[in-house]
Amino acid sequence: MRRPTDNGFTERRNAAADAKRELLAKFASAPKSADPAMQARLAARDAVTQARALRRAEREALKAAQNRRILADAAAEEKAEAESRQAEIADQVSRAEATEAARKAERDRRYAARKARQA
């Protein structure tokens, strides 16, 4: 007895041929590149691609400008810190010189007083 799902070779071959014909018909009915609707879709796709590229370029330009601004701010901050350190060092040097001058003046005064007492 034959089962209903037991297809013979010819039935399987015919089913495969039918499937192949349907697939070819599907591709044959697809819009061609010369079709105005396809041209419109391709143009829309190109427009989207160009807009996307433009937005990407704008983002990159914005990011580059932001990076330049950050670098400039960092350089300005570093320069300000260097100037501050230089000013602090100059202040320390001037205070040390003033202290040294005061000590020398005191030493000279004591020396002069001692010489005055001896004379």
Foldseek 3Di string as FASTA:
>chain_A
DDDPVDDDPVVVVVVVVVVVVVVVVVVVPPDDCVDPVNVVVVVVVVVVVVVVVVVVVVVVVVVVVVVVVVVVVVVVVVVVVVVVVVVVVVVVVVVVVVVVVVVVVVVVVVVVVVVVVVD
